[in-house]
PDB file of all heavy atoms in Angstrom:
ATOM      1  N   LEU A   1      -5.359  -7.507  18.953  1.00  0.00           N
ATOM      2  CA  LEU A   1      -5.807  -6.311  18.236  1.00  0.00           C
ATOM      3  C   LEU A   1      -7.202  -6.544  17.662  1.00  0.00           C
ATOM      4  O   LEU A   1      -7.482  -7.630  17.143  1.00  0.00           O
ATOM      5  CB  LEU A   1      -4.845  -5.978  17.095  1.00  0.00           C
ATOM      6  CG  LEU A   1      -3.396  -5.698  17.487  1.00  0.00           C
ATOM      7  CD1 LEU A   1      -2.519  -5.633  16.243  1.00  0.00           C
ATOM      8  CD2 LEU A   1      -3.282  -4.411  18.285  1.00  0.00           C
ATOM      9  N   GLY A   2      -8.026  -5.493  17.708  1.00  0.00           N
ATOM     10  CA  GLY A   2      -9.361  -5.601  17.125  1.00  0.00           C
ATOM     11  C   GLY A   2     -10.191  -6.624  17.879  1.00  0.00           C
ATOM     12  O   GLY A   2      -9.941  -6.874  19.056  1.00  0.00           O
ATOM     13  N   PRO A   3     -11.123  -7.283  17.212  1.00  0.00           N
ATOM     14  CA  PRO A   3     -11.568  -7.052  15.839  1.00  0.00           C
ATOM     15  C   PRO A   3     -12.644  -5.958  15.773  1.00  0.00           C
ATOM     16  O   PRO A   3     -13.193  -5.640  16.827  1.00  0.00           O
ATOM     17  CB  PRO A   3     -12.159  -8.422  15.460  1.00  0.00           C
ATOM     18  CG  PRO A   3     -12.696  -8.978  16.756  1.00  0.00           C
ATOM     19  CD  PRO A   3     -11.779  -8.452  17.839  1.00  0.00           C
ATOM     20  N   PRO A   4     -12.948  -5.440  14.573  1.00  0.00           N
ATOM     21  CA  PRO A   4     -12.217  -5.682  13.326  1.00  0.00           C
ATOM     22  C   PRO A   4     -10.880  -4.935  13.319  1.00  0.00           C
ATOM     23  O   PRO A   4     -10.708  -3.948  14.044  1.00  0.00           O
ATOM     24  CB  PRO A   4     -13.167  -5.145  12.251  1.00  0.00           C
ATOM     25  CG  PRO A   4     -13.951  -4.087  12.965  1.00  0.00           C
ATOM     26  CD  PRO A   4     -14.110  -4.554  14.383  1.00  0.00           C
ATOM     27  N   PHE A   5      -9.960  -5.422  12.497  1.00  0.00           N
ATOM     28  CA  PHE A   5      -8.638  -4.814  12.411  1.00  0.00           C
ATOM     29  C   PHE A   5      -8.180  -4.848  10.960  1.00  0.00           C
ATOM     30  O   PHE A   5      -8.106  -5.917  10.352  1.00  0.00           O
ATOM     31  CB  PHE A   5      -7.644  -5.565  13.298  1.00  0.00           C
ATOM     32  CG  PHE A   5      -6.227  -5.056  13.198  1.00  0.00           C
ATOM     33  CD1 PHE A   5      -5.890  -3.810  13.709  1.00  0.00           C
ATOM     34  CD2 PHE A   5      -5.254  -5.815  12.580  1.00  0.00           C
ATOM     35  CE1 PHE A   5      -4.577  -3.342  13.618  1.00  0.00           C
ATOM     36  CE2 PHE A   5      -3.949  -5.357  12.490  1.00  0.00           C
ATOM     37  CZ  PHE A   5      -3.613  -4.112  13.005  1.00  0.00           C
ATOM     38  N   LEU A   6      -7.907  -3.674  10.401  1.00  0.00           N
ATOM     39  CA  LEU A   6      -7.485  -3.569   9.008  1.00  0.00           C
ATOM     40  C   LEU A   6      -6.322  -2.590   8.908  1.00  0.00           C
ATOM     41  O   LEU A   6      -6.396  -1.482   9.441  1.00  0.00           O
ATOM     42  CB  LEU A   6      -8.647  -3.102   8.121  1.00  0.00           C
ATOM     43  CG  LEU A   6      -8.355  -2.918   6.631  1.00  0.00           C
ATOM     44  CD1 LEU A   6      -9.537  -3.379   5.783  1.00  0.00           C
ATOM     45  CD2 LEU A   6      -8.055  -1.451   6.297  1.00  0.00           C
ATOM     46  N   VAL A   7      -5.255  -3.025   8.257  1.00  0.00           N
ATOM     47  CA  VAL A   7      -4.129  -2.145   7.966  1.00  0.00           C
ATOM     48  C   VAL A   7      -4.268  -1.658   6.533  1.00  0.00           C
ATOM     49  O   VAL A   7      -4.385  -2.464   5.599  1.00  0.00           O
ATOM     50  CB  VAL A   7      -2.782  -2.867   8.150  1.00  0.00           C
ATOM     51  CG1 VAL A   7      -1.628  -2.001   7.633  1.00  0.00           C
ATOM     52  CG2 VAL A   7      -2.560  -3.216   9.611  1.00  0.00           C
ATOM     53  N   LEU A   8      -4.290  -0.356   6.366  1.00  0.00           N
ATOM     54  CA  LEU A   8      -4.319   0.266   5.051  1.00  0.00           C
ATOM     55  C   LEU A   8      -2.962   0.953   4.878  1.00  0.00           C
ATOM     56  O   LEU A   8      -2.707   1.991   5.486  1.00  0.00           O
ATOM     57  CB  LEU A   8      -5.471   1.262   4.949  1.00  0.00           C
ATOM     58  CG  LEU A   8      -5.867   1.780   3.569  1.00  0.00           C
ATOM     59  CD1 LEU A   8      -7.289   2.303   3.578  1.00  0.00           C
ATOM     60  CD2 LEU A   8      -4.929   2.871   3.096  1.00  0.00           C
ATOM     61  N   ALA A   9      -2.084   0.332   4.096  1.00  0.00           N
ATOM     62  CA  ALA A   9      -0.725   0.844   3.933  1.00  0.00           C
ATOM     63  C   ALA A   9      -0.583   1.533   2.587  1.00  0.00           C
ATOM     64  O   ALA A   9      -1.212   1.143   1.600  1.00  0.00           O
ATOM     65  CB  ALA A   9       0.289  -0.293   4.043  1.00  0.00           C
ATOM     66  N   THR A  10       0.248   2.582   2.556  1.00  0.00           N
ATOM     67  CA  THR A  10       0.487   3.293   1.308  1.00  0.00           C
ATOM     68  C   THR A  10       1.984   3.324   1.017  1.00  0.00           C
ATOM     69  O   THR A  10       2.809   3.266   1.925  1.00  0.00           O
ATOM     70  CB  THR A  10      -0.024   4.745   1.379  1.00  0.00           C
ATOM     71  OG1 THR A  10       0.867   5.528   2.197  1.00  0.00           O
ATOM     72  CG2 THR A  10      -1.418   4.806   1.970  1.00  0.00           C
ATOM     73  N   GLN A  11       2.294   3.386  -0.255  1.00  0.00           N
ATOM     74  CA  GLN A  11       3.667   3.634  -0.660  1.00  0.00           C
ATOM     75  C   GLN A  11       3.670   4.380  -1.986  1.00  0.00           C
ATOM     76  O   GLN A  11       2.801   4.175  -2.832  1.00  0.00           O
ATOM     77  CB  GLN A  11       4.485   2.356  -0.744  1.00  0.00           C
ATOM     78  CG  GLN A  11       4.009   1.310  -1.718  1.00  0.00           C
ATOM     79  CD  GLN A  11       4.941   0.096  -1.739  1.00  0.00           C
ATOM     80  OE1 GLN A  11       5.959   0.049  -1.051  1.00  0.00           O
ATOM     81  NE2 GLN A  11       4.596  -0.891  -2.531  1.00  0.00           N
ATOM     82  N   ASN A  12       4.637   5.279  -2.118  1.00  0.00           N
ATOM     83  CA  ASN A  12       4.786   6.077  -3.329  1.00  0.00           C
ATOM     84  C   ASN A  12       5.572   5.259  -4.352  1.00  0.00           C
ATOM     85  O   ASN A  12       6.701   4.857  -4.087  1.00  0.00           O
ATOM     86  CB  ASN A  12       5.526   7.382  -3.009  1.00  0.00           C
ATOM     87  CG  ASN A  12       5.517   8.358  -4.175  1.00  0.00           C
ATOM     88  OD1 ASN A  12       5.510   7.941  -5.335  1.00  0.00           O
ATOM     89  ND2 ASN A  12       5.534   9.636  -3.880  1.00  0.00           N
ATOM     90  N   PRO A  13       4.998   4.988  -5.524  1.00  0.00           N
ATOM     91  CA  PRO A  13       5.680   4.129  -6.493  1.00  0.00           C
ATOM     92  C   PRO A  13       6.795   4.819  -7.262  1.00  0.00           C
ATOM     93  O   PRO A  13       7.482   4.173  -8.056  1.00  0.00           O
ATOM     94  CB  PRO A  13       4.540   3.721  -7.439  1.00  0.00           C
ATOM     95  CG  PRO A  13       3.610   4.888  -7.413  1.00  0.00           C
ATOM     96  CD  PRO A  13       3.678   5.420  -5.997  1.00  0.00           C
ATOM     97  N   TYR A  14       6.999   6.129  -7.045  1.00  0.00           N
ATOM     98  CA  TYR A  14       7.962   6.855  -7.868  1.00  0.00           C
ATOM     99  C   TYR A  14       9.180   7.351  -7.095  1.00  0.00           C
ATOM    100  O   TYR A  14      10.143   7.800  -7.689  1.00  0.00           O
ATOM    101  CB  TYR A  14       7.280   8.053  -8.532  1.00  0.00           C
ATOM    102  CG  TYR A  14       6.102   7.639  -9.377  1.00  0.00           C
ATOM    103  CD1 TYR A  14       4.803   7.986  -9.016  1.00  0.00           C
ATOM    104  CD2 TYR A  14       6.282   6.881 -10.523  1.00  0.00           C
ATOM    105  CE1 TYR A  14       3.717   7.597  -9.773  1.00  0.00           C
ATOM    106  CE2 TYR A  14       5.200   6.474 -11.287  1.00  0.00           C
ATOM    107  CZ  TYR A  14       3.924   6.845 -10.912  1.00  0.00           C
ATOM    108  OH  TYR A  14       2.855   6.446 -11.656  1.00  0.00           O
ATOM    109  N   GLU A  15       9.136   7.314  -5.759  1.00  0.00           N
ATOM    110  CA  GLU A  15      10.268   7.785  -4.970  1.00  0.00           C
ATOM    111  C   GLU A  15      10.959   6.593  -4.322  1.00  0.00           C
ATOM    112  O   GLU A  15      10.342   5.839  -3.567  1.00  0.00           O
ATOM    113  CB  GLU A  15       9.795   8.760  -3.885  1.00  0.00           C
ATOM    114  CG  GLU A  15       9.268  10.079  -4.440  1.00  0.00           C
ATOM    115  CD  GLU A  15       8.883  11.035  -3.331  1.00  0.00           C
ATOM    116  OE1 GLU A  15       9.250  10.766  -2.176  1.00  0.00           O
ATOM    117  OE2 GLU A  15       8.224  12.039  -3.625  1.00  0.00           O
ATOM    118  N   PHE A  16      12.253   6.427  -4.604  1.00  0.00           N
ATOM    119  CA  PHE A  16      12.981   5.283  -4.087  1.00  0.00           C
ATOM    120  C   PHE A  16      14.126   5.679  -3.170  1.00  0.00           C
ATOM    121  O   PHE A  16      14.779   4.832  -2.585  1.00  0.00           O
ATOM    122  CB  PHE A  16      13.517   4.436  -5.250  1.00  0.00           C
ATOM    123  CG  PHE A  16      12.459   4.079  -6.249  1.00  0.00           C
ATOM    124  CD1 PHE A  16      12.575   4.443  -7.579  1.00  0.00           C
ATOM    125  CD2 PHE A  16      11.327   3.391  -5.856  1.00  0.00           C
ATOM    126  CE1 PHE A  16      11.592   4.119  -8.495  1.00  0.00           C
ATOM    127  CE2 PHE A  16      10.338   3.059  -6.764  1.00  0.00           C
ATOM    128  CZ  PHE A  16      10.468   3.423  -8.093  1.00  0.00           C
ATOM    129  N   GLU A  17      14.427   6.993  -3.056  1.00  0.00           N
ATOM    130  CA  GLU A  17      15.485   7.445  -2.160  1.00  0.00           C
ATOM    131  C   GLU A  17      15.053   7.257  -0.708  1.00  0.00           C
ATOM    132  O   GLU A  17      13.992   7.710  -0.303  1.00  0.00           O
ATOM    133  CB  GLU A  17      15.814   8.921  -2.418  1.00  0.00           C
ATOM    134  CG  GLU A  17      16.402   9.209  -3.797  1.00  0.00           C
ATOM    135  CD  GLU A  17      17.778   8.596  -3.977  1.00  0.00           C
ATOM    136  OE1 GLU A  17      18.477   8.410  -2.959  1.00  0.00           O
ATOM    137  OE2 GLU A  17      18.157   8.285  -5.121  1.00  0.00           O
ATOM    138  N   GLY A  18      15.914   6.574   0.064  1.00  0.00           N
ATOM    139  CA  GLY A  18      15.614   6.393   1.482  1.00  0.00           C
ATOM    140  C   GLY A  18      14.463   5.453   1.766  1.00  0.00           C
ATOM    141  O   GLY A  18      13.798   5.584   2.788  1.00  0.00           O
ATOM    142  N   THR A  19      14.207   4.508   0.870  1.00  0.00           N
ATOM    143  CA  THR A  19      13.120   3.553   1.078  1.00  0.00           C
ATOM    144  C   THR A  19      13.672   2.147   1.268  1.00  0.00           C
ATOM    145  O   THR A  19      14.785   1.833   0.859  1.00  0.00           O
ATOM    146  CB  THR A  19      12.133   3.547  -0.103  1.00  0.00           C
ATOM    147  OG1 THR A  19      12.817   3.129  -1.296  1.00  0.00           O
ATOM    148  CG2 THR A  19      11.531   4.919  -0.315  1.00  0.00           C
ATOM    149  N   TYR A  20      12.861   1.310   1.902  1.00  0.00           N
ATOM    150  CA  TYR A  20      13.191  -0.093   2.117  1.00  0.00           C
ATOM    151  C   TYR A  20      12.078  -0.912   1.462  1.00  0.00           C
ATOM    152  O   TYR A  20      10.986  -1.031   2.038  1.00  0.00           O
ATOM    153  CB  TYR A  20      13.272  -0.410   3.608  1.00  0.00           C
ATOM    154  CG  TYR A  20      14.301   0.401   4.359  1.00  0.00           C
ATOM    155  CD1 TYR A  20      14.001   1.689   4.808  1.00  0.00           C
ATOM    156  CD2 TYR A  20      15.558  -0.116   4.626  1.00  0.00           C
ATOM    157  CE1 TYR A  20      14.934   2.439   5.503  1.00  0.00           C
ATOM    158  CE2 TYR A  20      16.506   0.625   5.319  1.00  0.00           C
ATOM    159  CZ  TYR A  20      16.182   1.902   5.759  1.00  0.00           C
ATOM    160  OH  TYR A  20      17.113   2.646   6.439  1.00  0.00           O
ATOM    161  N   PRO A  21      12.303  -1.434   0.266  1.00  0.00           N
ATOM    162  CA  PRO A  21      11.238  -2.156  -0.437  1.00  0.00           C
ATOM    163  C   PRO A  21      10.657  -3.271   0.427  1.00  0.00           C
ATOM    164  O   PRO A  21      11.388  -3.981   1.124  1.00  0.00           O
ATOM    165  CB  PRO A  21      11.956  -2.724  -1.668  1.00  0.00           C
ATOM    166  CG  PRO A  21      13.136  -1.837  -1.871  1.00  0.00           C
ATOM    167  CD  PRO A  21      13.561  -1.403  -0.505  1.00  0.00           C
ATOM    168  N   LEU A  22       9.338  -3.413   0.391  1.00  0.00           N
ATOM    169  CA  LEU A  22       8.693  -4.451   1.187  1.00  0.00           C
ATOM    170  C   LEU A  22       9.107  -5.830   0.682  1.00  0.00           C
ATOM    171  O   LEU A  22       9.070  -6.096  -0.519  1.00  0.00           O
ATOM    172  CB  LEU A  22       7.174  -4.318   1.094  1.00  0.00           C
ATOM    173  CG  LEU A  22       6.554  -3.035   1.650  1.00  0.00           C
ATOM    174  CD1 LEU A  22       5.042  -3.091   1.494  1.00  0.00           C
ATOM    175  CD2 LEU A  22       6.923  -2.838   3.095  1.00  0.00           C
ATOM    176  N   PRO A  23       9.509  -6.723   1.583  1.00  0.00           N
ATOM    177  CA  PRO A  23       9.856  -8.083   1.146  1.00  0.00           C
ATOM    178  C   PRO A  23       8.615  -8.836   0.696  1.00  0.00           C
ATOM    179  O   PRO A  23       7.480  -8.478   1.046  1.00  0.00           O
ATOM    180  CB  PRO A  23      10.463  -8.700   2.415  1.00  0.00           C
ATOM    181  CG  PRO A  23       9.850  -7.932   3.532  1.00  0.00           C
ATOM    182  CD  PRO A  23       9.652  -6.537   3.029  1.00  0.00           C
ATOM    183  N   GLU A  24       8.844  -9.884  -0.075  1.00  0.00           N
ATOM    184  CA  GLU A  24       7.726 -10.667  -0.609  1.00  0.00           C
ATOM    185  C   GLU A  24       6.846 -11.220   0.513  1.00  0.00           C
ATOM    186  O   GLU A  24       5.624 -11.312   0.372  1.00  0.00           O
ATOM    187  CB  GLU A  24       8.248 -11.812  -1.484  1.00  0.00           C
ATOM    188  CG  GLU A  24       8.652 -11.398  -2.884  1.00  0.00           C
ATOM    189  CD  GLU A  24       9.904 -10.515  -2.890  1.00  0.00           C
ATOM    190  OE1 GLU A  24      10.778 -10.710  -2.015  1.00  0.00           O
ATOM    191  OE2 GLU A  24      10.002  -9.629  -3.755  1.00  0.00           O
ATOM    192  N   SER A  25       7.456 -11.598   1.639  1.00  0.00           N
ATOM    193  CA  SER A  25       6.674 -12.162   2.746  1.00  0.00           C
ATOM    194  C   SER A  25       5.672 -11.159   3.296  1.00  0.00           C
ATOM    195  O   SER A  25       4.580 -11.537   3.732  1.00  0.00           O
ATOM    196  CB  SER A  25       7.608 -12.626   3.864  1.00  0.00           C
ATOM    197  OG  SER A  25       8.349 -11.536   4.376  1.00  0.00           O
ATOM    198  N   GLN A  26       6.029  -9.872   3.276  1.00  0.00           N
ATOM    199  CA  GLN A  26       5.091  -8.863   3.779  1.00  0.00           C
ATOM    200  C   GLN A  26       4.078  -8.467   2.717  1.00  0.00           C
ATOM    201  O   GLN A  26       2.901  -8.247   3.028  1.00  0.00           O
ATOM    202  CB  GLN A  26       5.832  -7.625   4.270  1.00  0.00           C
ATOM    203  CG  GLN A  26       4.913  -6.625   4.954  1.00  0.00           C
ATOM    204  CD  GLN A  26       5.636  -5.777   5.971  1.00  0.00           C
ATOM    205  OE1 GLN A  26       6.709  -6.140   6.436  1.00  0.00           O
ATOM    206  NE2 GLN A  26       5.068  -4.649   6.321  1.00  0.00           N
ATOM    207  N   LEU A  27       4.500  -8.380   1.477  1.00  0.00           N
ATOM    208  CA  LEU A  27       3.543  -8.104   0.404  1.00  0.00           C
ATOM    209  C   LEU A  27       2.460  -9.173   0.357  1.00  0.00           C
ATOM    210  O   LEU A  27       1.300  -8.903   0.057  1.00  0.00           O
ATOM    211  CB  LEU A  27       4.274  -8.031  -0.943  1.00  0.00           C
ATOM    212  CG  LEU A  27       5.096  -6.766  -1.196  1.00  0.00           C
ATOM    213  CD1 LEU A  27       5.975  -6.949  -2.434  1.00  0.00           C
ATOM    214  CD2 LEU A  27       4.199  -5.560  -1.363  1.00  0.00           C
ATOM    215  N   ASP A  28       2.863 -10.414   0.667  1.00  0.00           N
ATOM    216  CA  ASP A  28       1.923 -11.528   0.628  1.00  0.00           C
ATOM    217  C   ASP A  28       0.870 -11.424   1.718  1.00  0.00           C
ATOM    218  O   ASP A  28      -0.156 -12.099   1.661  1.00  0.00           O
ATOM    219  CB  ASP A  28       2.703 -12.842   0.777  1.00  0.00           C
ATOM    220  CG  ASP A  28       1.964 -14.025   0.162  1.00  0.00           C
ATOM    221  OD1 ASP A  28       1.177 -13.804  -0.778  1.00  0.00           O
ATOM    222  OD2 ASP A  28       2.170 -15.152   0.625  1.00  0.00           O
ATOM    223  N   ARG A  29       1.106 -10.569   2.722  1.00  0.00           N
ATOM    224  CA  ARG A  29       0.136 -10.406   3.806  1.00  0.00           C
ATOM    225  C   ARG A  29      -0.988  -9.445   3.439  1.00  0.00           C
ATOM    226  O   ARG A  29      -1.993  -9.379   4.135  1.00  0.00           O
ATOM    227  CB  ARG A  29       0.838  -9.876   5.070  1.00  0.00           C
ATOM    228  CG  ARG A  29       1.768 -10.862   5.747  1.00  0.00           C
ATOM    229  CD  ARG A  29       1.058 -12.122   6.195  1.00  0.00           C
ATOM    230  NE  ARG A  29       1.784 -12.890   7.195  1.00  0.00           N
ATOM    231  CZ  ARG A  29       2.764 -13.743   6.940  1.00  0.00           C
ATOM    232  NH1 ARG A  29       3.161 -13.913   5.694  1.00  0.00           N
ATOM    233  NH2 ARG A  29       3.339 -14.425   7.906  1.00  0.00           N
ATOM    234  N   PHE A  30      -0.810  -8.698   2.360  1.00  0.00           N
ATOM    235  CA  PHE A  30      -1.872  -7.782   1.931  1.00  0.00           C
ATOM    236  C   PHE A  30      -2.849  -8.533   1.041  1.00  0.00           C
ATOM    237  O   PHE A  30      -2.463  -9.126   0.031  1.00  0.00           O
ATOM    238  CB  PHE A  30      -1.286  -6.589   1.186  1.00  0.00           C
ATOM    239  CG  PHE A  30      -0.575  -5.612   2.080  1.00  0.00           C
ATOM    240  CD1 PHE A  30       0.799  -5.641   2.210  1.00  0.00           C
ATOM    241  CD2 PHE A  30      -1.296  -4.672   2.808  1.00  0.00           C
ATOM    242  CE1 PHE A  30       1.461  -4.755   3.041  1.00  0.00           C
ATOM    243  CE2 PHE A  30      -0.650  -3.781   3.641  1.00  0.00           C
ATOM    244  CZ  PHE A  30       0.733  -3.821   3.765  1.00  0.00           C
ATOM    245  N   LEU A  31      -4.108  -8.486   1.409  1.00  0.00           N
ATOM    246  CA  LEU A  31      -5.122  -9.206   0.640  1.00  0.00           C
ATOM    247  C   LEU A  31      -5.153  -8.720  -0.799  1.00  0.00           C
ATOM    248  O   LEU A  31      -5.202  -9.520  -1.736  1.00  0.00           O
ATOM    249  CB  LEU A  31      -6.503  -9.015   1.275  1.00  0.00           C
ATOM    250  CG  LEU A  31      -7.639  -9.760   0.574  1.00  0.00           C
ATOM    251  CD1 LEU A  31      -7.662 -11.213   1.020  1.00  0.00           C
ATOM    252  CD2 LEU A  31      -8.996  -9.111   0.858  1.00  0.00           C
ATOM    253  N   LEU A  32      -5.112  -7.403  -0.981  1.00  0.00           N
ATOM    254  CA  LEU A  32      -5.141  -6.860  -2.334  1.00  0.00           C
ATOM    255  C   LEU A  32      -4.463  -5.498  -2.384  1.00  0.00           C
ATOM    256  O   LEU A  32      -4.236  -4.862  -1.363  1.00  0.00           O
ATOM    257  CB  LEU A  32      -6.571  -6.787  -2.879  1.00  0.00           C
ATOM    258  CG  LEU A  32      -7.691  -6.184  -2.025  1.00  0.00           C
ATOM    259  CD1 LEU A  32      -7.686  -4.680  -2.114  1.00  0.00           C
ATOM    260  CD2 LEU A  32      -9.032  -6.720  -2.472  1.00  0.00           C
ATOM    261  N   ARG A  33      -4.137  -5.099  -3.587  1.00  0.00           N
ATOM    262  CA  ARG A  33      -3.520  -3.799  -3.824  1.00  0.00           C
ATOM    263  C   ARG A  33      -4.376  -3.036  -4.827  1.00  0.00           C
ATOM    264  O   ARG A  33      -4.933  -3.612  -5.762  1.00  0.00           O
ATOM    265  CB  ARG A  33      -2.108  -3.975  -4.391  1.00  0.00           C
ATOM    266  CG  ARG A  33      -1.403  -2.647  -4.672  1.00  0.00           C
ATOM    267  CD  ARG A  33      -0.113  -2.854  -5.441  1.00  0.00           C
ATOM    268  NE  ARG A  33      -0.368  -3.424  -6.758  1.00  0.00           N
ATOM    269  CZ  ARG A  33       0.594  -3.716  -7.631  1.00  0.00           C
ATOM    270  NH1 ARG A  33       1.851  -3.510  -7.307  1.00  0.00           N
ATOM    271  NH2 ARG A  33       0.300  -4.222  -8.802  1.00  0.00           N
ATOM    272  N   LEU A  34      -4.438  -1.730  -4.627  1.00  0.00           N
ATOM    273  CA  LEU A  34      -5.170  -0.906  -5.579  1.00  0.00           C
ATOM    274  C   LEU A  34      -4.445   0.404  -5.781  1.00  0.00           C
ATOM    275  O   LEU A  34      -3.546   0.778  -5.027  1.00  0.00           O
ATOM    276  CB  LEU A  34      -6.613  -0.669  -5.110  1.00  0.00           C
ATOM    277  CG  LEU A  34      -6.846   0.094  -3.795  1.00  0.00           C
ATOM    278  CD1 LEU A  34      -6.857   1.605  -4.023  1.00  0.00           C
ATOM    279  CD2 LEU A  34      -8.167  -0.329  -3.175  1.00  0.00           C
ATOM    280  N   ARG A  35      -4.831   1.096  -6.828  1.00  0.00           N
ATOM    281  CA  ARG A  35      -4.348   2.450  -7.104  1.00  0.00           C
ATOM    282  C   ARG A  35      -5.569   3.351  -7.219  1.00  0.00           C
ATOM    283  O   ARG A  35      -6.515   3.044  -7.951  1.00  0.00           O
ATOM    284  CB  ARG A  35      -3.546   2.482  -8.406  1.00  0.00           C
ATOM    285  CG  ARG A  35      -2.247   1.686  -8.347  1.00  0.00           C
ATOM    286  CD  ARG A  35      -1.440   1.905  -9.640  1.00  0.00           C
ATOM    287  NE  ARG A  35      -0.155   1.238  -9.582  1.00  0.00           N
ATOM    288  CZ  ARG A  35       0.096   0.047 -10.098  1.00  0.00           C
ATOM    289  NH1 ARG A  35      -0.879  -0.620 -10.694  1.00  0.00           N
ATOM    290  NH2 ARG A  35       1.295  -0.486 -10.010  1.00  0.00           N
ATOM    291  N   LEU A  36      -5.554   4.451  -6.492  1.00  0.00           N
ATOM    292  CA  LEU A  36      -6.688   5.373  -6.551  1.00  0.00           C
ATOM    293  C   LEU A  36      -6.703   6.148  -7.857  1.00  0.00           C
ATOM    294  O   LEU A  36      -7.751   6.317  -8.492  1.00  0.00           O
ATOM    295  CB  LEU A  36      -6.640   6.339  -5.372  1.00  0.00           C
ATOM    296  CG  LEU A  36      -7.011   5.759  -4.003  1.00  0.00           C
ATOM    297  CD1 LEU A  36      -6.792   6.797  -2.914  1.00  0.00           C
ATOM    298  CD2 LEU A  36      -8.452   5.291  -3.996  1.00  0.00           C
ATOM    299  N   GLY A  37      -5.552   6.660  -8.271  1.00  0.00           N
ATOM    300  CA  GLY A  37      -5.488   7.451  -9.497  1.00  0.00           C
ATOM    301  C   GLY A  37      -6.078   8.839  -9.303  1.00  0.00           C
ATOM    302  O   GLY A  37      -6.776   9.123  -8.318  1.00  0.00           O
ATOM    303  N   TYR A  38      -5.781   9.718 -10.230  1.00  0.00           N
ATOM    304  CA  TYR A  38      -6.327  11.069 -10.165  1.00  0.00           C
ATOM    305  C   TYR A  38      -7.824  11.044 -10.469  1.00  0.00           C
ATOM    306  O   TYR A  38      -8.281  10.280 -11.321  1.00  0.00           O
ATOM    307  CB  TYR A  38      -5.623  11.980 -11.169  1.00  0.00           C
ATOM    308  CG  TYR A  38      -4.182  12.265 -10.833  1.00  0.00           C
ATOM    309  CD1 TYR A  38      -3.156  11.751 -11.623  1.00  0.00           C
ATOM    310  CD2 TYR A  38      -3.838  13.040  -9.733  1.00  0.00           C
ATOM    311  CE1 TYR A  38      -1.822  11.996 -11.323  1.00  0.00           C
ATOM    312  CE2 TYR A  38      -2.515  13.301  -9.421  1.00  0.00           C
ATOM    313  CZ  TYR A  38      -1.515  12.771 -10.213  1.00  0.00           C
ATOM    314  OH  TYR A  38      -0.208  13.010  -9.902  1.00  0.00           O
ATOM    315  N   PRO A  39      -8.608  11.860  -9.786  1.00  0.00           N
ATOM    316  CA  PRO A  39     -10.048  11.895 -10.062  1.00  0.00           C
ATOM    317  C   PRO A  39     -10.343  12.558 -11.399  1.00  0.00           C
ATOM    318  O   PRO A  39      -9.527  13.334 -11.920  1.00  0.00           O
ATOM    319  CB  PRO A  39     -10.603  12.728  -8.898  1.00  0.00           C
ATOM    320  CG  PRO A  39      -9.467  13.601  -8.482  1.00  0.00           C
ATOM    321  CD  PRO A  39      -8.221  12.800  -8.713  1.00  0.00           C
ATOM    322  N   ALA A  40     -11.514  12.250 -11.940  1.00  0.00           N
ATOM    323  CA  ALA A  40     -11.963  12.936 -13.146  1.00  0.00           C
ATOM    324  C   ALA A  40     -12.179  14.415 -12.838  1.00  0.00           C
ATOM    325  O   ALA A  40     -12.357  14.807 -11.679  1.00  0.00           O
ATOM    326  CB  ALA A  40     -13.250  12.300 -13.661  1.00  0.00           C
ATOM    327  N   ARG A  41     -12.173  15.243 -13.866  1.00  0.00           N
ATOM    328  CA  ARG A  41     -12.261  16.694 -13.662  1.00  0.00           C
ATOM    329  C   ARG A  41     -13.535  17.089 -12.912  1.00  0.00           C
ATOM    330  O   ARG A  41     -13.500  17.932 -12.002  1.00  0.00           O
ATOM    331  CB  ARG A  41     -12.207  17.424 -15.011  1.00  0.00           C
ATOM    332  CG  ARG A  41     -12.208  18.946 -14.862  1.00  0.00           C
ATOM    333  CD  ARG A  41     -12.143  19.632 -16.212  1.00  0.00           C
ATOM    334  NE  ARG A  41     -12.185  21.080 -16.064  1.00  0.00           N
ATOM    335  CZ  ARG A  41     -11.131  21.852 -15.898  1.00  0.00           C
ATOM    336  NH1 ARG A  41      -9.921  21.312 -15.858  1.00  0.00           N
ATOM    337  NH2 ARG A  41     -11.252  23.165 -15.779  1.00  0.00           N
ATOM    338  N   ALA A  42     -14.671  16.472 -13.281  1.00  0.00           N
ATOM    339  CA  ALA A  42     -15.925  16.814 -12.611  1.00  0.00           C
ATOM    340  C   ALA A  42     -15.863  16.465 -11.126  1.00  0.00           C
ATOM    341  O   ALA A  42     -16.319  17.240 -10.274  1.00  0.00           O
ATOM    342  CB  ALA A  42     -17.086  16.092 -13.286  1.00  0.00           C
TER     343      ALA A  42
END
């Protein structure tokens, strides 16, 4: 695959029905995690 090759994965932190939590081994494969958050009004 690639290069370059980047996986950008998303998950909703508030809905847990019908989800399979990511195991630690897979979370460890993500270099970093961020939250976008709601934008400012302007």
